[in-house]
Amino acid sequence: MRKLCGVLIALYGGFCGMHAFAIDLSLNDAVQKIVAESNDLKKADANLKKAQASLDVANSSRWFNIEGTATYMNLINVEKPLDSYNVKLPPEIGGLVPQLAGITNIDVPDNIFMAGVTITQPIYTFGKIGNAVDSVRSAIKMGEYSKEMVSREVKYAAADMYWTAKMTDEIVKIAKKDLDNAVSAKKKLSGAGRANRGNLVKIESDIATKEINFSDAEFNRDTAHRMLKILAGIDVDEPLNLIDDFPQDFPEIADKKLSNTPEWQVLSQQVKMYESKASSQRANGYPTLAAVGSYNYVTMDQDFKNMFNSDATQSAYLGLALKVPIFSGGVNRANATVDVMNAEAARQDLDKSKKLTSEKYRNAIKQYNHLRENLKGLENARNLAAKAYGFSQDRFASGQTSAVELADVSSGLYQLDMALLNAKYKILMSAESVKKLGE
């Protein structure tokens, strides 16, 4: 007796120890983990950051531009490379420039160094820069709303994965109970000493079928759990304990009009983006007014070592520059037309999305409430089937019915258990669809 107690305690302790290391996972935890691990969300975040960086690029056109140049040249006399480079002056030059009278050759310094800085500040571009910036800002908002769309899709998929895994847990329980009932019926039939060959064959057949159902249920459960763990970033070898059960009651969802969605916001911002790009393309054909300033430094000498000791020439200027496009072959007008047509296409997509998404939203609410109402009748049918199976078990135990009838009643109960579980799953996912579309 003591040995038996010791074995039972050891087994119980091992069983408890095995489940003590299982990871408890709620629906909210699963959603948060899957969202954190989502590659689609990381990609959407990268696209948003890329759009934000593009805004810095567009805004940079508003500010002044500074360019510096430095040039060193060594002049070579092509005719006599070893001699200094000189310029021959015609005699007439002396009559025009008295200082050069009688001079026939001028030696040109071999070494020349030039450096300069130019500053350009746009003043007015007729909307070319401003519309380009507005276009990028619309692209950033598109990125934000696109990220929200992806987030909702990921959360919906996470909830679907969680409830699918939970449903496989329940299916294993239903299949195990169905198998145990068949095994119990066989024991009762064999123990009564009145078993006939037909009943035994039927029960053996049922047991074999239900063993396959149970094995399939376990395989599907393990597969669903493994996929859930992969998406949530959990080690696939870690056992999971899904702590959230299927609700018993489902509150009614009021049928209401869908006011806005991230998809509509994306398309709306896309229209604005293309309209701004079109305006910016048109502005490329308008003048550009800018302030300019420059400073230049030039020094030269025959000897490279003395070049920076020689007298240098310095110059600077400030002014306004008006750049006027004269002819570009119609490229600006053509590019503007392309963006206008893109805006029109996005506007049509927005109109279509409003119609279809609104209908999907209403249908999701209707489906939820429809399934919710049917659930009561389904639960009542399942409870009646359970009572009928109990009556059949009693009749079978007293020899008043056959194994065929018992198997039929058992199959009906099994099917209703599965139908009830599937109905709850559909109700939950309908609610998730409502949340995804109109949250």
Protein backbone atom coordinates (compact mmCIF):
# COMPACT_ATOMS: atom_id res chain seq x y z
CA MET A 1 0.00 0.00 0.00
CA ARG A 2 2.83 2.38 0.90
CA LYS A 3 4.61 1.55 -2.34
CA LEU A 4 1.43 2.25 -4.29
CA CYS A 5 0.99 5.60 -2.54
CA GLY A 6 4.61 6.43 -3.26
CA VAL A 7 4.18 5.67 -6.94
CA LEU A 8 1.00 7.76 -7.13
CA ILE A 9 2.70 10.70 -5.39
CA ALA A 10 5.66 10.44 -7.77
CA LEU A 11 3.41 10.34 -10.79
CA TYR A 12 1.33 13.24 -9.52
CA GLY A 13 4.46 15.24 -8.77
CA GLY A 14 5.84 14.54 -12.25
CA PHE A 15 2.56 15.54 -13.84
CA CYS A 16 2.44 18.79 -11.86
CA GLY A 17 6.10 19.45 -12.61
CA MET A 18 5.49 18.99 -16.30
CA HIS A 19 2.69 21.57 -16.32
CA ALA A 20 4.58 23.88 -13.95
CA PHE A 21 7.00 24.64 -16.77
CA ALA A 22 4.26 25.32 -19.33
CA ILE A 23 4.00 28.93 -20.47
CA ASP A 24 0.69 30.55 -19.59
CA LEU A 25 -0.43 32.58 -22.58
CA SER A 26 -3.47 34.82 -22.69
CA LEU A 27 -5.01 36.32 -25.81
CA ASN A 28 -3.61 39.79 -25.03
CA ASP A 29 -0.14 38.37 -24.40
CA ALA A 30 -0.25 36.43 -27.66
CA VAL A 31 -1.33 39.51 -29.61
CA GLN A 32 1.40 41.66 -28.06
CA LYS A 33 4.08 39.06 -28.75
CA ILE A 34 2.98 38.49 -32.34
CA VAL A 35 2.81 42.25 -32.97
CA ALA A 36 6.33 42.64 -31.57
CA GLU A 37 7.62 39.84 -33.79
CA SER A 38 5.74 40.83 -36.95
CA ASN A 39 7.99 41.31 -39.97
CA ASP A 40 5.20 43.13 -41.78
CA LEU A 41 4.97 45.73 -39.02
CA LYS A 42 8.75 46.17 -38.98
CA LYS A 43 8.66 46.69 -42.73
CA ALA A 44 5.83 49.23 -42.38
CA ASP A 45 7.83 51.06 -39.72
CA ALA A 46 10.87 51.14 -42.01
CA ASN A 47 8.74 52.58 -44.84
CA LEU A 48 7.45 55.26 -42.47
CA LYS A 49 10.96 56.22 -41.43
CA LYS A 50 11.99 56.34 -45.08
CA ALA A 51 9.13 58.75 -45.80
CA GLN A 52 10.16 60.91 -42.83
CA ALA A 53 13.72 61.03 -44.18
CA SER A 54 12.33 62.08 -47.57
CA LEU A 55 10.74 65.09 -45.83
CA ASP A 56 14.19 66.23 -44.72
CA VAL A 57 15.34 65.91 -48.32
CA ALA A 58 12.41 68.00 -49.59
CA ASN A 59 12.85 70.64 -46.88
CA SER A 60 16.55 70.97 -47.66
CA SER A 61 15.59 72.74 -50.89
CA ARG A 62 14.24 75.64 -48.80
CA TRP A 63 17.60 76.47 -47.28
CA PHE A 64 20.76 78.04 -48.65
CA ASN A 65 23.28 75.99 -50.54
CA ILE A 66 27.03 76.54 -50.06
CA GLU A 67 29.51 75.23 -52.59
CA GLY A 68 33.26 75.50 -52.27
CA THR A 69 35.82 74.90 -55.01
CA ALA A 70 39.62 74.72 -54.98
CA THR A 71 41.68 74.30 -58.15
CA TYR A 72 45.43 74.01 -58.78
CA MET A 73 46.80 74.20 -62.36
CA ASN A 74 50.30 73.81 -63.76
CA LEU A 75 50.56 75.29 -67.25
CA ILE A 76 52.70 73.41 -69.76
CA ASN A 77 54.29 74.90 -72.86
CA VAL A 78 53.30 72.31 -75.44
CA GLU A 79 55.92 73.43 -77.98
CA LYS A 80 58.75 73.52 -75.42
CA PRO A 81 57.70 71.59 -72.30
CA LEU A 82 60.85 72.53 -70.35
CA ASP A 83 60.41 76.28 -70.97
CA SER A 84 58.01 78.62 -69.30
CA TYR A 85 54.69 79.25 -70.91
CA ASN A 86 54.47 82.68 -72.60
CA VAL A 87 52.09 84.62 -74.75
CA LYS A 88 53.30 86.39 -77.92
CA LEU A 89 51.81 89.85 -78.34
CA PRO A 90 51.32 91.41 -81.79
CA PRO A 91 52.97 94.88 -82.28
CA GLU A 92 49.53 96.52 -82.56
CA ILE A 93 48.93 95.90 -78.87
CA GLY A 94 51.50 98.56 -78.00
CA GLY A 95 49.40 101.18 -79.76
CA LEU A 96 46.32 100.20 -77.88
CA VAL A 97 47.93 99.66 -74.47
CA PRO A 98 50.84 102.02 -73.88
CA GLN A 99 52.09 100.00 -70.95
CA LEU A 100 52.72 97.08 -73.29
CA ALA A 101 54.57 99.12 -75.99
CA GLY A 102 57.70 97.32 -77.13
CA ILE A 103 56.79 94.12 -75.26
CA THR A 104 56.49 91.13 -77.55
CA ASN A 105 56.27 88.28 -75.01
CA ILE A 106 54.54 87.95 -71.63
CA ASP A 107 55.54 85.15 -69.34
CA VAL A 108 52.56 83.43 -67.78
CA PRO A 109 53.06 81.92 -64.31
CA ASP A 110 53.22 78.16 -64.48
CA ASN A 111 51.44 77.59 -61.14
CA ILE A 112 47.95 78.88 -60.55
CA PHE A 113 45.75 78.27 -57.49
CA MET A 114 42.11 79.31 -57.31
CA ALA A 115 39.58 78.88 -54.44
CA GLY A 116 36.08 80.16 -54.01
CA VAL A 117 32.79 79.86 -52.13
CA THR A 118 29.31 80.37 -53.61
CA ILE A 119 26.09 80.71 -51.60
CA THR A 120 22.61 80.39 -53.10
CA GLN A 121 19.41 81.01 -51.14
CA PRO A 122 16.03 80.37 -52.85
CA ILE A 123 13.63 83.26 -52.27
CA TYR A 124 10.56 82.42 -54.32
CA THR A 125 9.87 79.32 -56.44
CA PHE A 126 6.15 79.75 -57.25
CA GLY A 127 5.22 76.69 -55.15
CA LYS A 128 7.76 74.25 -56.56
CA ILE A 129 9.38 73.56 -53.19
CA GLY A 130 6.28 74.07 -51.05
CA ASN A 131 4.16 71.63 -53.03
CA ALA A 132 6.97 69.09 -53.07
CA VAL A 133 7.15 69.31 -49.27
CA ASP A 134 3.35 68.96 -48.98
CA SER A 135 3.55 65.88 -51.19
CA VAL A 136 6.08 64.26 -48.90
CA ARG A 137 4.03 65.15 -45.81
CA SER A 138 1.07 63.36 -47.37
CA ALA A 139 3.35 60.39 -48.03
CA ILE A 140 4.32 60.37 -44.33
CA LYS A 141 0.67 60.33 -43.29
CA MET A 142 0.11 57.50 -45.76
CA GLY A 143 2.92 55.62 -44.06
CA GLU A 144 1.36 56.19 -40.64
CA TYR A 145 -2.07 54.98 -41.72
CA SER A 146 -0.54 52.08 -43.66
CA LYS A 147 1.26 51.03 -40.49
CA GLU A 148 -2.07 51.17 -38.63
CA MET A 149 -3.65 48.99 -41.33
CA VAL A 150 -0.85 46.45 -40.98
CA SER A 151 -1.16 46.56 -37.19
CA ARG A 152 -4.86 45.75 -37.38
CA GLU A 153 -4.25 42.91 -39.81
CA VAL A 154 -1.54 41.47 -37.56
CA LYS A 155 -3.75 41.73 -34.47
CA TYR A 156 -6.60 40.02 -36.34
CA ALA A 157 -4.27 37.24 -37.49
CA ALA A 158 -2.90 36.89 -33.95
CA ALA A 159 -6.40 36.50 -32.50
CA ASP A 160 -7.27 34.01 -35.24
CA MET A 161 -4.14 32.00 -34.46
CA TYR A 162 -4.84 32.04 -30.71
CA TRP A 163 -8.49 30.95 -30.98
CA THR A 164 -7.59 28.34 -33.60
CA ALA A 165 -5.03 26.86 -31.22
CA LYS A 166 -7.54 27.04 -28.37
CA MET A 167 -10.14 25.32 -30.53
CA THR A 168 -7.71 22.47 -31.25
CA ASP A 169 -7.28 22.10 -27.48
CA GLU A 170 -11.02 21.74 -27.09
CA ILE A 171 -11.28 19.35 -30.05
CA VAL A 172 -8.72 17.09 -28.39
CA LYS A 173 -10.90 17.04 -25.26
CA ILE A 174 -14.04 16.29 -27.28
CA ALA A 175 -12.32 13.53 -29.26
CA LYS A 176 -10.85 12.03 -26.07
CA LYS A 177 -14.24 12.04 -24.36
CA ASP A 178 -15.86 10.47 -27.43
CA LEU A 179 -13.20 7.74 -27.48
CA ASP A 180 -13.55 7.11 -23.73
CA ASN A 181 -17.31 6.70 -24.14
CA ALA A 182 -16.80 4.05 -26.82
CA VAL A 183 -14.23 2.21 -24.70
CA SER A 184 -16.58 2.36 -21.71
CA ALA A 185 -19.42 0.94 -23.80
CA LYS A 186 -17.21 -1.97 -24.86
CA LYS A 187 -16.32 -2.72 -21.23
CA LYS A 188 -19.99 -2.68 -20.25
CA LEU A 189 -20.88 -4.97 -23.12
CA SER A 190 -18.06 -7.40 -22.40
CA GLY A 191 -18.66 -7.38 -18.65
CA ALA A 192 -22.38 -8.11 -18.98
CA GLY A 193 -21.75 -11.57 -20.41
CA ARG A 194 -24.33 -11.01 -23.16
CA ALA A 195 -22.14 -9.57 -25.91
CA ASN A 196 -23.05 -10.63 -29.40
CA ARG A 197 -20.66 -10.58 -32.28
CA GLY A 198 -22.43 -7.79 -34.19
CA ASN A 199 -22.33 -5.36 -31.26
CA LEU A 200 -18.69 -6.11 -30.51
CA VAL A 201 -17.66 -5.59 -34.15
CA LYS A 202 -19.58 -2.31 -34.30
CA ILE A 203 -18.01 -1.03 -31.09
CA GLU A 204 -14.53 -2.13 -32.18
CA SER A 205 -15.06 -0.25 -35.45
CA ASP A 206 -16.19 2.86 -33.58
CA ILE A 207 -13.19 2.69 -31.28
CA ALA A 208 -10.80 2.40 -34.23
CA THR A 209 -12.43 5.38 -35.94
CA LYS A 210 -12.41 7.49 -32.79
CA GLU A 211 -8.78 6.63 -32.11
CA ILE A 212 -7.95 8.08 -35.53
CA ASN A 213 -10.04 11.17 -34.75
CA PHE A 214 -8.22 11.59 -31.45
CA SER A 215 -4.82 11.14 -33.10
CA ASP A 216 -5.71 13.70 -35.79
CA ALA A 217 -6.93 16.11 -33.12
CA GLU A 218 -3.63 15.83 -31.23
CA PHE A 219 -1.64 16.35 -34.43
CA ASN A 220 -3.69 19.44 -35.35
CA ARG A 221 -3.29 20.79 -31.81
CA ASP A 222 0.48 20.35 -31.89
CA THR A 223 0.65 21.99 -35.33
CA ALA A 224 -1.46 24.97 -34.24
CA HIS A 225 0.54 25.43 -31.04
CA ARG A 226 3.81 25.24 -32.93
CA MET A 227 2.67 27.89 -35.43
CA LEU A 228 1.46 30.12 -32.60
CA LYS A 229 4.81 29.81 -30.84
CA ILE A 230 6.73 30.61 -34.02
CA LEU A 231 4.72 33.78 -34.67
CA ALA A 232 4.95 34.84 -31.00
CA GLY A 233 8.71 34.27 -30.81
CA ILE A 234 8.39 31.42 -28.28
CA ASP A 235 10.66 28.38 -28.34
CA VAL A 236 8.79 25.64 -30.22
CA ASP A 237 9.84 23.10 -27.57
CA GLU A 238 8.14 25.08 -24.79
CA PRO A 239 4.67 23.73 -23.85
CA LEU A 240 1.84 26.26 -23.96
CA ASN A 241 -1.11 26.69 -21.65
CA LEU A 242 -3.74 28.88 -23.32
CA ILE A 243 -5.47 30.40 -20.32
CA ASP A 244 -8.30 32.29 -22.06
CA ASP A 245 -11.37 30.11 -22.59
CA PHE A 246 -14.14 30.54 -25.12
CA PRO A 247 -16.69 33.01 -23.67
CA GLN A 248 -20.07 31.74 -22.58
CA ASP A 249 -21.87 35.02 -23.32
CA PHE A 250 -21.38 37.37 -26.26
CA PRO A 251 -22.64 40.96 -25.95
CA GLU A 252 -24.65 42.38 -28.82
CA ILE A 253 -22.88 44.72 -31.24
CA ALA A 254 -24.98 47.66 -32.38
CA ASP A 255 -25.32 48.07 -36.13
CA LYS A 256 -23.80 51.43 -36.97
CA LYS A 257 -22.37 53.32 -39.91
CA LEU A 258 -18.65 53.12 -40.52
CA SER A 259 -17.22 56.63 -40.22
CA ASN A 260 -13.56 56.16 -41.13
CA THR A 261 -10.85 53.58 -41.62
CA PRO A 262 -7.05 53.66 -42.07
CA GLU A 263 -7.54 52.44 -45.64
CA TRP A 264 -9.67 55.48 -46.44
CA GLN A 265 -7.08 57.73 -44.84
CA VAL A 266 -4.31 56.16 -46.92
CA LEU A 267 -6.23 56.70 -50.16
CA SER A 268 -7.26 60.23 -49.15
CA GLN A 269 -3.64 61.17 -48.45
CA GLN A 270 -2.62 59.51 -51.70
CA VAL A 271 -4.97 61.85 -53.58
CA LYS A 272 -3.42 64.85 -51.80
CA MET A 273 0.08 63.60 -52.49
CA TYR A 274 -0.47 63.31 -56.23
CA GLU A 275 -2.23 66.68 -56.39
CA SER A 276 0.70 68.36 -54.64
CA LYS A 277 3.17 66.59 -56.94
CA ALA A 278 1.20 67.83 -59.95
CA SER A 279 1.36 71.42 -58.67
CA SER A 280 5.09 71.06 -58.06
CA GLN A 281 5.61 69.73 -61.59
CA ARG A 282 3.75 72.71 -63.05
CA ALA A 283 5.88 75.06 -60.97
CA ASN A 284 9.00 73.66 -62.66
CA GLY A 285 8.00 75.75 -65.67
CA TYR A 286 7.90 78.98 -63.65
CA PRO A 287 10.85 81.28 -62.80
CA THR A 288 12.97 80.81 -59.71
CA LEU A 289 14.26 83.80 -57.74
CA ALA A 290 17.30 83.33 -55.54
CA ALA A 291 19.89 85.40 -53.67
CA VAL A 292 23.48 84.61 -54.60
CA GLY A 293 26.84 85.49 -53.11
CA SER A 294 30.40 84.52 -54.02
CA TYR A 295 33.98 84.96 -52.83
CA ASN A 296 37.02 84.00 -54.96
CA TYR A 297 40.76 83.89 -54.23
CA VAL A 298 43.40 83.56 -56.98
CA THR A 299 47.21 83.39 -56.68
CA MET A 300 49.91 82.41 -59.21
CA ASP A 301 53.70 82.33 -59.59
CA GLN A 302 56.45 80.80 -61.68
CA ASP A 303 57.71 78.90 -58.66
CA PHE A 304 55.31 76.61 -56.77
CA LYS A 305 57.09 77.30 -53.46
CA ASN A 306 56.56 81.05 -53.78
CA MET A 307 53.02 80.82 -55.13
CA PHE A 308 51.31 81.66 -51.80
CA ASN A 309 53.82 84.46 -51.10
CA SER A 310 52.88 86.30 -54.27
CA ASP A 311 50.21 88.92 -54.53
CA ALA A 312 46.77 87.30 -54.59
CA THR A 313 43.60 88.50 -56.23
CA GLN A 314 40.39 88.45 -54.22
CA SER A 315 36.87 89.19 -55.37
CA ALA A 316 33.33 88.89 -54.02
CA TYR A 317 29.79 89.72 -55.04
CA LEU A 318 26.19 89.69 -53.79
CA GLY A 319 23.09 89.77 -55.94
CA LEU A 320 19.81 88.30 -57.11
CA ALA A 321 19.44 85.66 -59.77
CA LEU A 322 16.26 84.96 -61.74
CA LYS A 323 16.26 81.60 -63.48
CA VAL A 324 13.62 81.45 -66.22
CA PRO A 325 12.84 78.14 -68.00
CA ILE A 326 12.28 78.88 -71.66
CA PHE A 327 11.70 75.52 -73.32
CA SER A 328 11.68 72.00 -71.87
CA GLY A 329 9.83 70.04 -74.53
CA GLY A 330 6.61 69.90 -72.48
CA VAL A 331 8.08 67.57 -69.85
CA ASN A 332 6.69 69.59 -66.92
CA ARG A 333 3.16 69.61 -68.29
CA ALA A 334 3.36 65.89 -69.10
CA ASN A 335 4.61 65.00 -65.60
CA ALA A 336 1.86 67.12 -64.07
CA THR A 337 -0.74 65.30 -66.18
CA VAL A 338 0.60 61.93 -65.01
CA ASP A 339 0.22 62.96 -61.35
CA VAL A 340 -3.26 64.38 -61.98
CA MET A 341 -4.35 61.06 -63.46
CA ASN A 342 -2.77 59.20 -60.54
CA ALA A 343 -4.78 61.42 -58.19
CA GLU A 344 -7.97 60.62 -60.10
CA ALA A 345 -7.23 56.88 -59.93
CA ALA A 346 -6.65 57.14 -56.18
CA ARG A 347 -9.91 59.09 -55.84
CA GLN A 348 -11.78 56.28 -57.61
CA ASP A 349 -10.11 53.69 -55.37
CA LEU A 350 -11.22 55.71 -52.34
CA ASP A 351 -14.82 55.81 -53.53
CA LYS A 352 -14.79 52.05 -54.19
CA SER A 353 -13.19 51.32 -50.82
CA LYS A 354 -15.83 53.35 -48.99
CA LYS A 355 -18.58 51.28 -50.57
CA LEU A 356 -16.97 47.86 -50.15
CA THR A 357 -15.49 48.38 -46.69
CA SER A 358 -18.76 49.82 -45.35
CA GLU A 359 -20.58 46.75 -46.65
CA LYS A 360 -17.97 44.41 -45.12
CA TYR A 361 -18.33 46.23 -41.80
CA ARG A 362 -22.13 45.94 -41.79
CA ASN A 363 -21.96 42.28 -42.82
CA ALA A 364 -19.46 41.54 -40.04
CA ILE A 365 -21.86 43.04 -37.48
CA LYS A 366 -24.82 41.18 -38.97
CA GLN A 367 -22.90 37.91 -39.02
CA TYR A 368 -21.85 38.37 -35.40
CA ASN A 369 -25.38 39.03 -34.20
CA HIS A 370 -26.80 36.24 -36.41
CA LEU A 371 -24.34 33.67 -35.06
CA ARG A 372 -24.92 34.98 -31.56
CA GLU A 373 -28.66 34.35 -31.85
CA ASN A 374 -28.14 30.88 -33.35
CA LEU A 375 -25.78 29.95 -30.55
CA LYS A 376 -28.63 29.63 -28.05
CA GLY A 377 -30.46 27.11 -30.23
CA LEU A 378 -27.24 25.24 -30.89
CA GLU A 379 -26.45 25.00 -27.18
CA ASN A 380 -29.98 23.73 -26.50
CA ALA A 381 -29.62 21.10 -29.27
CA ARG A 382 -26.27 20.01 -27.85
CA ASN A 383 -27.69 19.66 -24.33
CA LEU A 384 -30.59 17.60 -25.65
CA ALA A 385 -28.16 15.39 -27.58
CA ALA A 386 -26.16 14.85 -24.37
CA LYS A 387 -29.35 13.77 -22.57
CA ALA A 388 -30.27 11.47 -25.44
CA TYR A 389 -26.83 9.90 -25.28
CA GLY A 390 -27.22 9.39 -21.53
CA PHE A 391 -30.56 7.63 -22.12
CA SER A 392 -28.98 5.47 -24.83
CA GLN A 393 -26.14 4.52 -22.51
CA ASP A 394 -28.64 3.39 -19.85
CA ARG A 395 -30.67 1.44 -22.42
CA PHE A 396 -27.52 -0.12 -23.83
CA ALA A 397 -26.37 -1.14 -20.37
CA SER A 398 -29.71 -2.88 -19.76
CA GLY A 399 -29.67 -4.52 -23.19
CA GLN A 400 -32.61 -2.51 -24.58
CA THR A 401 -30.73 -1.06 -27.55
CA SER A 402 -27.94 -2.04 -29.91
CA ALA A 403 -24.44 -0.74 -30.40
CA VAL A 404 -25.53 0.72 -33.75
CA GLU A 405 -28.07 3.03 -32.10
CA LEU A 406 -25.58 3.99 -29.38
CA ALA A 407 -22.97 4.82 -32.03
CA ASP A 408 -25.44 6.97 -33.96
CA VAL A 409 -26.41 8.94 -30.86
CA SER A 410 -22.74 9.30 -29.90
CA SER A 411 -21.89 10.55 -33.38
CA GLY A 412 -24.69 13.12 -33.19
CA LEU A 413 -23.39 14.40 -29.86
CA TYR A 414 -19.84 14.59 -31.22
CA GLN A 415 -20.97 16.57 -34.25
CA LEU A 416 -22.96 19.01 -32.12
CA ASP A 417 -19.99 19.49 -29.78
CA MET A 418 -17.87 20.34 -32.81
CA ALA A 419 -20.56 22.60 -34.29
CA LEU A 420 -20.94 24.49 -31.00
CA LEU A 421 -17.18 24.99 -30.75
CA ASN A 422 -16.97 26.13 -34.36
CA ALA A 423 -19.87 28.56 -33.86
CA LYS A 424 -18.10 30.21 -30.91
CA TYR A 425 -14.94 30.51 -32.97
CA LYS A 426 -16.86 32.17 -35.81
CA ILE A 427 -18.53 34.60 -33.40
CA LEU A 428 -15.19 35.61 -31.95
CA MET A 429 -13.62 36.12 -35.37
CA SER A 430 -16.67 38.12 -36.52
CA ALA A 431 -16.10 40.40 -33.55
CA GLU A 432 -12.41 40.68 -34.54
CA SER A 433 -13.47 41.60 -38.09
CA VAL A 434 -15.69 44.39 -36.72
CA LYS A 435 -12.76 45.60 -34.62
CA LYS A 436 -10.34 45.47 -37.54
CA LEU A 437 -12.60 47.42 -39.88
CA GLY A 438 -14.08 49.99 -37.55
CA GLU A 439 -11.93 50.19 -34.41
